Amino acid sequence: MLSSLNSMVLFFIPSFLFLSYIQNVAILYKWFAPVKYKEIHTSGMLSAFVKYFWTYEHEQDDVEYTILPDACFDLVVDYEYNILQNIYLTGLWTEPIKLTVTKGTTLMAVRFKVLASEYLLKREIKTLLNGMTILPRAYWDIHLVRSFEFEKFVAELSILFTDTINQLSNLDNRKIKLTNLVYSENVISVKELSQQVGWSSRQINRYFNQQFGLSLKTLLNVVRCNATYPDIVAGRLYPDKAYTDQAHYIKEIKKYTANAPSQLQKNENDRFLQLSAIKSK
């Protein structure tokens, strides 16, 4: 069931959860009792398209989390008691998402950067902004992978993605450079990005709106918000150079998370999963 609650999109989907934002590791296990979570990060050219692969297991009672925007989108393979249920493709999020995870969940997923939509999935994701769709179970032959074969899932998709990239004849190097700058989290203005990549701001925004459903400025704002989460967890509730002043900082954080920095920092009942992950490191 899909419905709206307090300006959030609310999913009640058996076995379905998005996890995000544990950074700067190649392979990582994280435990949030009773949650088991693992990441494998990418490198080289593939890292311009895929941030990392992740898997998640939930063996206990149903639990509810709030997932915060992080400027990526996901392909999520959902198993319930080791039986494939669905394959989901999300869009980008510009608002928090409340999710309920059911007992017996195993998920395997790819966390994509925006450029993957055009070159790997070969489709737009603007129609999936703050939403998702269900893909065919045979998509990329994912149905052949069992729920406990995460390394196989990563290896086979990595080969598929790398082969696809190597065969591209229309790869726009301006888009590669732009993507790398955006996800570096050294947030600069659209004008400065335009100058650095040699692509007009008007053309960039036309491409972003047609392909992803939002402007480059909005994506930069989400990247900037995402970059504040470690400071918020550490109790540093004041702006860095990315924000003009305290009022601007609070306004922007609330815009994309629906919570003030002080509320996020409290993280009552560990409901903000990304923040709990950062705190546990």
Protein backbone atom coordinates (compact mmCIF):
# COMPACT_ATOMS: atom_id res chain seq x y z
CA MET A 1 0.00 0.00 0.00
CA LEU A 2 1.24 3.47 -0.88
CA SER A 3 -0.08 6.53 0.90
CA SER A 4 0.92 9.97 2.16
CA LEU A 5 1.47 10.83 5.81
CA ASN A 6 2.71 14.17 7.16
CA SER A 7 4.36 15.12 3.88
CA MET A 8 6.13 11.76 3.72
CA VAL A 9 5.61 8.92 1.30
CA LEU A 10 4.64 5.87 3.32
CA PHE A 11 5.28 2.35 2.01
CA PHE A 12 3.86 -0.76 3.57
CA ILE A 13 5.52 -3.32 1.32
CA PRO A 14 6.52 -6.74 2.68
CA SER A 15 10.28 -7.08 3.07
CA PHE A 16 11.05 -3.66 1.58
CA LEU A 17 13.64 -1.20 2.89
CA PHE A 18 16.16 1.30 1.61
CA LEU A 19 19.46 1.64 3.45
CA SER A 20 22.00 4.31 2.82
CA TYR A 21 25.02 6.36 3.62
CA ILE A 22 27.86 4.53 5.27
CA GLN A 23 30.83 5.98 3.50
CA ASN A 24 34.49 5.46 2.62
CA VAL A 25 34.73 1.68 2.97
CA ALA A 26 35.30 -1.11 0.46
CA ILE A 27 33.48 -3.90 2.31
CA LEU A 28 31.59 -3.22 5.50
CA TYR A 29 29.38 -5.14 7.91
CA LYS A 30 27.14 -3.08 10.19
CA TRP A 31 24.83 -4.50 12.83
CA PHE A 32 21.77 -2.74 14.22
CA ALA A 33 20.21 -5.43 16.38
CA PRO A 34 18.57 -7.35 14.87
CA VAL A 35 19.71 -5.95 11.47
CA LYS A 36 22.56 -7.28 9.33
CA TYR A 37 23.91 -4.99 6.64
CA LYS A 38 26.85 -5.17 4.23
CA GLU A 39 28.24 -2.86 1.54
CA ILE A 40 30.65 -3.37 -1.33
CA HIS A 41 31.89 -0.15 -2.95
CA THR A 42 32.96 0.37 -6.55
CA SER A 43 36.09 1.84 -8.07
CA GLY A 44 37.41 3.12 -11.41
CA MET A 45 35.00 4.15 -14.15
CA LEU A 46 32.17 2.15 -12.57
CA SER A 47 32.21 4.50 -9.57
CA ALA A 48 30.86 7.30 -11.76
CA PHE A 49 27.66 5.26 -12.14
CA VAL A 50 27.40 3.04 -9.03
CA LYS A 51 28.08 4.27 -5.50
CA TYR A 52 27.95 0.81 -3.92
CA PHE A 53 26.11 -2.49 -3.66
CA TRP A 54 24.38 -3.37 -0.40
CA THR A 55 22.55 -6.21 1.27
CA TYR A 56 20.33 -6.29 4.32
CA GLU A 57 18.73 -9.02 6.45
CA HIS A 58 15.97 -8.63 9.02
CA GLU A 59 15.06 -11.69 11.06
CA GLN A 60 12.98 -10.27 13.92
CA ASP A 61 9.68 -8.40 14.29
CA ASP A 62 8.53 -5.70 11.88
CA VAL A 63 10.30 -2.36 12.30
CA GLU A 64 9.76 1.15 10.95
CA TYR A 65 12.49 3.55 9.79
CA THR A 66 12.68 6.98 8.21
CA ILE A 67 15.10 7.21 5.29
CA LEU A 68 16.54 10.62 4.46
CA PRO A 69 17.32 11.94 0.95
CA ASP A 70 20.88 11.23 -0.22
CA ALA A 71 20.97 12.11 -3.96
CA CYS A 72 21.06 8.49 -5.20
CA PHE A 73 18.50 6.01 -6.49
CA ASP A 74 18.28 2.24 -6.00
CA LEU A 75 17.47 -1.04 -7.64
CA VAL A 76 16.30 -3.29 -4.80
CA VAL A 77 15.77 -7.05 -4.98
CA ASP A 78 13.31 -8.12 -2.29
CA TYR A 79 13.25 -11.65 -0.84
CA GLU A 80 10.94 -12.87 1.89
CA TYR A 81 12.12 -16.03 3.62
CA ASN A 82 14.53 -16.52 0.68
CA ILE A 83 11.77 -16.35 -1.95
CA LEU A 84 12.01 -13.58 -4.53
CA GLN A 85 9.09 -11.17 -4.15
CA ASN A 86 9.85 -8.19 -6.39
CA ILE A 87 12.53 -6.04 -7.97
CA TYR A 88 12.02 -2.34 -7.32
CA LEU A 89 13.51 0.70 -9.04
CA THR A 90 13.26 3.97 -7.16
CA GLY A 91 13.72 7.51 -8.30
CA LEU A 92 15.60 10.24 -6.48
CA TRP A 93 14.20 11.38 -3.12
CA THR A 94 13.76 15.02 -2.15
CA GLU A 95 11.82 14.23 1.02
CA PRO A 96 12.05 11.66 3.84
CA ILE A 97 10.52 8.25 3.31
CA LYS A 98 8.91 6.20 6.07
CA LEU A 99 9.30 2.46 5.57
CA THR A 100 8.09 -0.62 7.40
CA VAL A 101 10.29 -3.73 7.18
CA THR A 102 8.75 -7.14 7.82
CA LYS A 103 10.22 -10.20 9.47
CA GLY A 104 12.14 -12.54 7.16
CA THR A 105 13.43 -9.83 4.84
CA THR A 106 16.56 -10.19 2.74
CA LEU A 107 17.41 -7.41 0.30
CA MET A 108 20.17 -7.03 -2.26
CA ALA A 109 20.54 -3.73 -4.04
CA VAL A 110 22.52 -1.36 -6.21
CA ARG A 111 22.85 2.25 -5.11
CA PHE A 112 23.17 4.26 -8.33
CA LYS A 113 24.43 7.73 -9.04
CA VAL A 114 22.22 9.73 -11.39
CA LEU A 115 24.21 9.04 -14.57
CA ALA A 116 23.37 5.34 -14.38
CA SER A 117 19.77 6.00 -15.39
CA GLU A 118 20.78 7.10 -18.89
CA TYR A 119 23.71 4.80 -19.58
CA LEU A 120 23.06 1.60 -17.58
CA LEU A 121 19.28 1.45 -17.26
CA LYS A 122 18.77 3.41 -20.49
CA ARG A 123 15.67 5.19 -19.23
CA GLU A 124 14.56 8.36 -17.53
CA ILE A 125 13.75 8.38 -13.82
CA LYS A 126 11.91 11.70 -13.70
CA THR A 127 8.59 9.83 -13.47
CA LEU A 128 9.92 8.05 -10.36
CA LEU A 129 10.80 11.18 -8.39
CA ASN A 130 9.90 10.39 -4.74
CA GLY A 131 8.44 7.12 -5.95
CA MET A 132 9.27 3.76 -7.47
CA THR A 133 8.22 1.07 -9.92
CA ILE A 134 8.34 -2.73 -10.04
CA LEU A 135 10.61 -4.27 -12.68
CA PRO A 136 10.20 -7.67 -14.34
CA ARG A 137 11.67 -10.49 -12.24
CA ALA A 138 13.95 -11.50 -15.12
CA TYR A 139 15.46 -8.00 -15.32
CA TRP A 140 19.22 -8.41 -15.87
CA ASP A 141 18.66 -12.13 -15.02
CA ILE A 142 18.51 -11.16 -11.35
CA HIS A 143 15.91 -13.86 -10.71
CA LEU A 144 18.69 -16.44 -11.12
CA VAL A 145 20.51 -15.15 -8.04
CA ARG A 146 19.47 -16.55 -4.66
CA SER A 147 19.05 -14.44 -1.55
CA PHE A 148 22.29 -15.65 0.07
CA GLU A 149 24.44 -15.04 -3.04
CA PHE A 150 25.27 -11.36 -2.55
CA GLU A 151 28.85 -11.67 -3.83
CA LYS A 152 27.55 -13.35 -6.99
CA PHE A 153 24.99 -10.57 -7.39
CA VAL A 154 27.77 -7.96 -7.12
CA ALA A 155 30.17 -9.80 -9.43
CA GLU A 156 27.67 -10.46 -12.20
CA LEU A 157 26.19 -6.98 -12.21
CA SER A 158 29.66 -5.40 -12.06
CA ILE A 159 30.65 -7.34 -15.19
CA LEU A 160 27.39 -6.37 -16.92
CA PHE A 161 27.79 -2.69 -16.03
CA THR A 162 31.47 -2.58 -17.00
CA ASP A 163 30.79 -4.24 -20.36
CA THR A 164 27.93 -1.81 -20.99
CA ILE A 165 30.15 1.19 -20.21
CA ASN A 166 33.00 -0.12 -22.38
CA GLN A 167 30.63 -0.51 -25.33
CA LEU A 168 29.18 2.99 -25.09
CA SER A 169 29.81 5.09 -28.17
CA ASN A 170 27.87 8.13 -26.99
CA LEU A 171 29.34 8.67 -23.51
CA ASP A 172 29.41 12.41 -22.83
CA ASN A 173 32.56 13.25 -20.87
CA ARG A 174 30.94 16.46 -19.63
CA LYS A 175 28.36 14.35 -17.79
CA ILE A 176 31.06 12.16 -16.25
CA LYS A 177 32.96 15.21 -15.02
CA LEU A 178 29.77 16.84 -13.76
CA THR A 179 28.71 13.71 -11.87
CA ASN A 180 32.11 13.35 -10.22
CA LEU A 181 32.03 16.98 -9.10
CA VAL A 182 28.47 16.74 -7.76
CA TYR A 183 29.15 13.63 -5.66
CA SER A 184 32.48 14.93 -4.37
CA GLU A 185 30.34 16.89 -1.85
CA ASN A 186 32.51 19.97 -2.41
CA VAL A 187 29.29 21.75 -3.24
CA ILE A 188 29.63 24.69 -5.59
CA SER A 189 27.10 26.64 -7.59
CA VAL A 190 25.47 25.58 -10.84
CA LYS A 191 27.29 28.44 -12.56
CA GLU A 192 30.69 27.24 -11.34
CA LEU A 193 29.91 23.66 -12.37
CA SER A 194 28.81 24.88 -15.77
CA GLN A 195 32.10 26.69 -16.26
CA GLN A 196 34.18 23.73 -15.08
CA VAL A 197 32.56 21.18 -17.40
CA GLY A 198 32.01 23.48 -20.40
CA TRP A 199 28.25 22.98 -20.55
CA SER A 200 25.72 25.79 -20.30
CA SER A 201 23.54 26.03 -17.19
CA ARG A 202 20.40 26.07 -19.34
CA GLN A 203 21.37 22.85 -21.12
CA ILE A 204 22.35 21.18 -17.84
CA ASN A 205 19.02 22.01 -16.21
CA ARG A 206 17.08 20.89 -19.27
CA TYR A 207 18.89 17.56 -19.16
CA PHE A 208 18.39 17.14 -15.40
CA ASN A 209 14.69 17.93 -15.52
CA GLN A 210 14.07 15.64 -18.49
CA GLN A 211 16.17 12.77 -17.17
CA PHE A 212 15.86 12.95 -13.37
CA GLY A 213 12.82 15.15 -12.69
CA LEU A 214 14.65 17.90 -10.82
CA SER A 215 17.12 20.70 -11.42
CA LEU A 216 20.85 20.47 -10.80
CA LYS A 217 20.43 23.06 -8.05
CA THR A 218 17.97 20.81 -6.22
CA LEU A 219 20.30 17.83 -6.50
CA LEU A 220 23.17 19.94 -5.14
CA ASN A 221 20.96 20.99 -2.23
CA VAL A 222 20.25 17.33 -1.41
CA VAL A 223 23.96 16.48 -1.66
CA ARG A 224 24.71 19.38 0.67
CA CYS A 225 22.03 18.25 3.14
CA ASN A 226 23.35 14.69 3.04
CA ALA A 227 26.87 15.96 3.80
CA THR A 228 25.66 17.51 7.09
CA TYR A 229 24.52 14.21 8.63
CA PRO A 230 27.88 13.29 10.26
CA ASP A 231 28.10 16.74 11.87
CA ILE A 232 24.50 16.47 13.10
CA VAL A 233 25.21 13.08 14.67
CA ALA A 234 28.27 14.59 16.38
CA GLY A 235 26.15 17.42 17.80
CA ARG A 236 27.64 20.13 15.59
CA LEU A 237 24.34 21.85 14.84
CA TYR A 238 25.65 24.88 13.04
CA PRO A 239 26.29 25.63 9.37
CA ASP A 240 29.52 25.24 7.45
CA LYS A 241 30.49 27.35 4.45
CA ALA A 242 27.77 25.68 2.35
CA TYR A 243 25.10 27.69 4.22
CA THR A 244 24.93 31.45 4.61
CA ASP A 245 23.82 31.48 8.26
CA GLN A 246 22.05 29.47 10.98
CA ALA A 247 18.56 30.33 9.72
CA HIS A 248 19.42 29.24 6.17
CA TYR A 249 20.97 26.02 7.49
CA ILE A 250 17.92 25.06 9.57
CA LYS A 251 15.51 25.96 6.79
CA GLU A 252 17.33 23.81 4.22
CA ILE A 253 17.71 20.80 6.52
CA LYS A 254 14.01 20.92 7.40
CA LYS A 255 13.10 21.28 3.72
CA TYR A 256 14.64 17.93 2.80
CA THR A 257 14.32 15.96 6.05
CA ALA A 258 11.12 17.44 7.54
CA ASN A 259 13.05 17.82 10.81
CA ALA A 260 15.25 20.46 12.42
CA PRO A 261 18.90 19.49 12.97
CA SER A 262 18.24 19.20 16.73
CA GLN A 263 15.46 16.65 16.10
CA LEU A 264 17.69 14.65 13.79
CA GLN A 265 20.47 14.68 16.37
CA LYS A 266 18.18 13.19 19.04
CA ASN A 267 17.21 10.37 16.65
CA GLU A 268 14.62 8.94 19.01
CA ASN A 269 14.27 5.13 18.80
CA ASP A 270 16.97 5.11 16.10
CA ARG A 271 14.30 5.88 13.54
CA PHE A 272 16.73 7.69 11.20
CA LEU A 273 18.68 4.70 10.00
CA GLN A 274 21.47 6.61 8.24
CA LEU A 275 22.17 8.62 11.37
CA SER A 276 22.28 5.48 13.50
CA ALA A 277 24.76 4.00 11.03
CA ILE A 278 27.02 7.04 11.24
CA LYS A 279 26.87 7.04 15.03
CA SER A 280 27.85 3.38 15.26
CA LYS A 281 31.11 3.84 13.33
